[in-house]
Amino acid sequence: MQGDACNLKPVLSGFDLILAANLIDRLYNPVQFLSTVHERLNLGGVLLIASPYTWLEEHTRREDWVGGYKKDGENFTTLDGLKAILGGHFRLMQAPQDVPFVIRETRRKFQHTLSEVSLWERIA
């Protein structure tokens, strides 16, 4: 099945776990996804977000970035943005963890990246 994470069909609900890996910073409207994802999870369900948060305007308009910019002169991280958007329906279960991964670009070139992994529990 293929779908648009920013425009999922209502039938896609009732889940205990949603994995959003390398997704958030590639969506055209990440706030749309994040502000409605709670509708798809059962109470007590877990949203796992894993991303290096490499925001690029080729994927997401700068004004739609969830973090990675200055706000009132201070750094506003993607984790700050996630907390603001998800806070009404989710509880951050533990401090985020950095998880390394490698992408093979060519036979002789590899990209080493750190993904921030956060777990969010769906609350009432």
C-alpha atoms as a PDB file:
ATOM      1  CA  MET A   1       0.000   0.000   0.000  1.00  0.00           C
ATOM      2  CA  GLN A   2       1.250   3.473  -0.792  1.00  0.00           C
ATOM      3  CA  GLY A   3       0.018   6.716   0.705  1.00  0.00           C
ATOM      4  CA  ASP A   4       0.747  10.345   1.435  1.00  0.00           C
ATOM      5  CA  ALA A   5       1.771  10.726   5.105  1.00  0.00           C
ATOM      6  CA  CYS A   6       0.247  14.213   5.112  1.00  0.00           C
ATOM      7  CA  ASN A   7      -3.084  12.948   3.766  1.00  0.00           C
ATOM      8  CA  LEU A   8      -3.714   9.451   5.083  1.00  0.00           C
ATOM      9  CA  LYS A   9      -7.074   7.738   4.679  1.00  0.00           C
ATOM     10  CA  PRO A  10      -9.229   7.494   7.858  1.00  0.00           C
ATOM     11  CA  VAL A  11      -9.201   3.693   7.645  1.00  0.00           C
ATOM     12  CA  LEU A  12      -5.520   3.810   8.643  1.00  0.00           C
ATOM     13  CA  SER A  13      -6.071   3.946  12.406  1.00  0.00           C
ATOM     14  CA  GLY A  14      -6.121   1.738  15.472  1.00  0.00           C
ATOM     15  CA  PHE A  15      -2.369   1.118  15.559  1.00  0.00           C
ATOM     16  CA  ASP A  16      -0.197   0.365  18.596  1.00  0.00           C
ATOM     17  CA  LEU A  17       3.008   1.532  16.909  1.00  0.00           C
ATOM     18  CA  ILE A  18       3.777   4.007  14.153  1.00  0.00           C
ATOM     19  CA  LEU A  19       7.318   4.205  12.801  1.00  0.00           C
ATOM     20  CA  ALA A  20       8.260   7.487  11.143  1.00  0.00           C
ATOM     21  CA  ALA A  21      11.847   6.788  10.062  1.00  0.00           C
ATOM     22  CA  ASN A  22      13.674   9.336   7.921  1.00  0.00           C
ATOM     23  CA  LEU A  23      10.314  10.912   7.180  1.00  0.00           C
ATOM     24  CA  ILE A  24       9.698  14.150   9.087  1.00  0.00           C
ATOM     25  CA  ASP A  25      12.267  16.286   7.251  1.00  0.00           C
ATOM     26  CA  ARG A  26      11.149  14.960   3.856  1.00  0.00           C
ATOM     27  CA  LEU A  27       7.453  15.826   4.119  1.00  0.00           C
ATOM     28  CA  TYR A  28       5.999  18.810   2.297  1.00  0.00           C
ATOM     29  CA  ASN A  29       3.839  19.536   5.365  1.00  0.00           C
ATOM     30  CA  PRO A  30       5.300  17.868   8.471  1.00  0.00           C
ATOM     31  CA  VAL A  31       2.992  19.802  10.819  1.00  0.00           C
ATOM     32  CA  GLN A  32      -0.025  18.266   9.075  1.00  0.00           C
ATOM     33  CA  PHE A  33       1.316  14.772   9.703  1.00  0.00           C
ATOM     34  CA  LEU A  34       2.404  15.464  13.278  1.00  0.00           C
ATOM     35  CA  SER A  35      -0.813  17.219  14.302  1.00  0.00           C
ATOM     36  CA  THR A  36      -3.019  14.340  13.124  1.00  0.00           C
ATOM     37  CA  VAL A  37      -0.886  11.250  13.806  1.00  0.00           C
ATOM     38  CA  HIS A  38      -2.493  10.837  17.248  1.00  0.00           C
ATOM     39  CA  GLU A  39      -5.779   9.979  15.474  1.00  0.00           C
ATOM     40  CA  ARG A  40      -4.127   6.834  14.123  1.00  0.00           C
ATOM     41  CA  LEU A  41      -2.721   5.474  17.394  1.00  0.00           C
ATOM     42  CA  ASN A  42      -4.518   3.676  20.196  1.00  0.00           C
ATOM     43  CA  LEU A  43      -4.182   5.178  23.677  1.00  0.00           C
ATOM     44  CA  GLY A  44      -0.868   3.951  25.051  1.00  0.00           C
ATOM     45  CA  GLY A  45       0.413   3.415  21.507  1.00  0.00           C
ATOM     46  CA  VAL A  46       3.895   4.564  20.545  1.00  0.00           C
ATOM     47  CA  LEU A  47       5.085   6.937  17.832  1.00  0.00           C
ATOM     48  CA  LEU A  48       8.752   6.314  17.023  1.00  0.00           C
ATOM     49  CA  ILE A  49      10.401   9.168  15.145  1.00  0.00           C
ATOM     50  CA  ALA A  50      13.899   8.613  13.756  1.00  0.00           C
ATOM     51  CA  SER A  51      15.532  11.294  11.651  1.00  0.00           C
ATOM     52  CA  PRO A  52      18.777  13.209  11.191  1.00  0.00           C
ATOM     53  CA  TYR A  53      16.574  16.322  10.731  1.00  0.00           C
ATOM     54  CA  THR A  54      18.390  17.508   7.633  1.00  0.00           C
ATOM     55  CA  TRP A  55      15.831  20.095   6.607  1.00  0.00           C
ATOM     56  CA  LEU A  56      16.108  21.058   2.939  1.00  0.00           C
ATOM     57  CA  GLU A  57      13.926  23.440   0.957  1.00  0.00           C
ATOM     58  CA  GLU A  58      13.809  20.938  -1.920  1.00  0.00           C
ATOM     59  CA  HIS A  59      11.533  18.793   0.289  1.00  0.00           C
ATOM     60  CA  THR A  60       9.893  21.225   2.719  1.00  0.00           C
ATOM     61  CA  ARG A  61       9.334  24.970   2.392  1.00  0.00           C
ATOM     62  CA  ARG A  62      11.450  26.725   5.007  1.00  0.00           C
ATOM     63  CA  GLU A  63       8.379  28.220   6.693  1.00  0.00           C
ATOM     64  CA  ASP A  64       7.077  24.654   7.228  1.00  0.00           C
ATOM     65  CA  TRP A  65      10.187  23.336   8.980  1.00  0.00           C
ATOM     66  CA  VAL A  66       9.490  21.964  12.460  1.00  0.00           C
ATOM     67  CA  GLY A  67      12.892  23.116  13.742  1.00  0.00           C
ATOM     68  CA  GLY A  68      16.452  23.760  12.683  1.00  0.00           C
ATOM     69  CA  TYR A  69      16.251  27.548  12.755  1.00  0.00           C
ATOM     70  CA  LYS A  70      16.479  30.562  15.076  1.00  0.00           C
ATOM     71  CA  LYS A  71      13.345  31.612  16.955  1.00  0.00           C
ATOM     72  CA  ASP A  72      13.499  34.877  18.875  1.00  0.00           C
ATOM     73  CA  GLY A  73      17.277  34.809  18.418  1.00  0.00           C
ATOM     74  CA  GLU A  74      17.655  31.350  19.987  1.00  0.00           C
ATOM     75  CA  ASN A  75      18.221  27.946  18.401  1.00  0.00           C
ATOM     76  CA  PHE A  76      14.893  26.151  17.902  1.00  0.00           C
ATOM     77  CA  THR A  77      15.592  22.461  17.394  1.00  0.00           C
ATOM     78  CA  THR A  78      13.351  19.917  15.748  1.00  0.00           C
ATOM     79  CA  LEU A  79      12.910  18.302  19.161  1.00  0.00           C
ATOM     80  CA  ASP A  80      11.599  21.672  20.420  1.00  0.00           C
ATOM     81  CA  GLY A  81       9.163  21.712  17.505  1.00  0.00           C
ATOM     82  CA  LEU A  82       8.095  18.112  18.092  1.00  0.00           C
ATOM     83  CA  LYS A  83       7.403  18.855  21.759  1.00  0.00           C
ATOM     84  CA  ALA A  84       5.287  21.864  20.815  1.00  0.00           C
ATOM     85  CA  ILE A  85       3.243  19.988  18.197  1.00  0.00           C
ATOM     86  CA  LEU A  86       2.934  16.587  19.882  1.00  0.00           C
ATOM     87  CA  GLY A  87       2.677  17.778  23.492  1.00  0.00           C
ATOM     88  CA  GLY A  88      -1.126  17.818  23.617  1.00  0.00           C
ATOM     89  CA  HIS A  89      -1.515  14.159  22.665  1.00  0.00           C
ATOM     90  CA  PHE A  90       1.833  12.550  23.464  1.00  0.00           C
ATOM     91  CA  ARG A  91       4.328  12.116  26.273  1.00  0.00           C
ATOM     92  CA  LEU A  92       8.027  11.895  25.428  1.00  0.00           C
ATOM     93  CA  MET A  93       8.894   8.518  26.963  1.00  0.00           C
ATOM     94  CA  GLN A  94      12.637   9.070  27.471  1.00  0.00           C
ATOM     95  CA  ALA A  95      15.434  11.323  26.325  1.00  0.00           C
ATOM     96  CA  PRO A  96      16.073  10.977  22.578  1.00  0.00           C
ATOM     97  CA  GLN A  97      18.946   8.735  21.524  1.00  0.00           C
ATOM     98  CA  ASP A  98      21.412   9.258  18.692  1.00  0.00           C
ATOM     99  CA  VAL A  99      21.613   6.204  16.436  1.00  0.00           C
ATOM    100  CA  PRO A 100      24.268   6.078  13.695  1.00  0.00           C
ATOM    101  CA  PHE A 101      23.499   4.730  10.250  1.00  0.00           C
ATOM    102  CA  VAL A 102      25.358   4.430   6.972  1.00  0.00           C
ATOM    103  CA  ILE A 103      24.017   5.004   3.464  1.00  0.00           C
ATOM    104  CA  ARG A 104      25.956   3.620   0.541  1.00  0.00           C
ATOM    105  CA  GLU A 105      26.055   6.284  -2.173  1.00  0.00           C
ATOM    106  CA  THR A 106      28.396   4.531  -4.605  1.00  0.00           C
ATOM    107  CA  ARG A 107      30.617   1.478  -4.545  1.00  0.00           C
ATOM    108  CA  ARG A 108      33.332   3.526  -2.821  1.00  0.00           C
ATOM    109  CA  LYS A 109      31.431   6.299  -1.091  1.00  0.00           C
ATOM    110  CA  PHE A 110      29.363   6.005   2.066  1.00  0.00           C
ATOM    111  CA  GLN A 111      27.523   8.603   4.115  1.00  0.00           C
ATOM    112  CA  HIS A 112      27.685   8.260   7.906  1.00  0.00           C
ATOM    113  CA  THR A 113      24.830  10.033   9.704  1.00  0.00           C
ATOM    114  CA  LEU A 114      23.328  10.282  13.176  1.00  0.00           C
ATOM    115  CA  SER A 115      19.600   9.879  13.483  1.00  0.00           C
ATOM    116  CA  GLU A 116      17.811  11.199  16.558  1.00  0.00           C
ATOM    117  CA  VAL A 117      15.335   8.594  17.792  1.00  0.00           C
ATOM    118  CA  SER A 118      12.486   9.665  20.061  1.00  0.00           C
ATOM    119  CA  LEU A 119       9.595   7.620  21.479  1.00  0.00           C
ATOM    120  CA  TRP A 120       6.241   9.266  22.123  1.00  0.00           C
ATOM    121  CA  GLU A 121       3.413   7.588  24.039  1.00  0.00           C
ATOM    122  CA  ARG A 122      -0.169   8.460  23.017  1.00  0.00           C
ATOM    123  CA  ILE A 123      -2.045   9.868  26.022  1.00  0.00           C
ATOM    124  CA  ALA A 124      -5.668  10.891  26.529  1.00  0.00           C
END
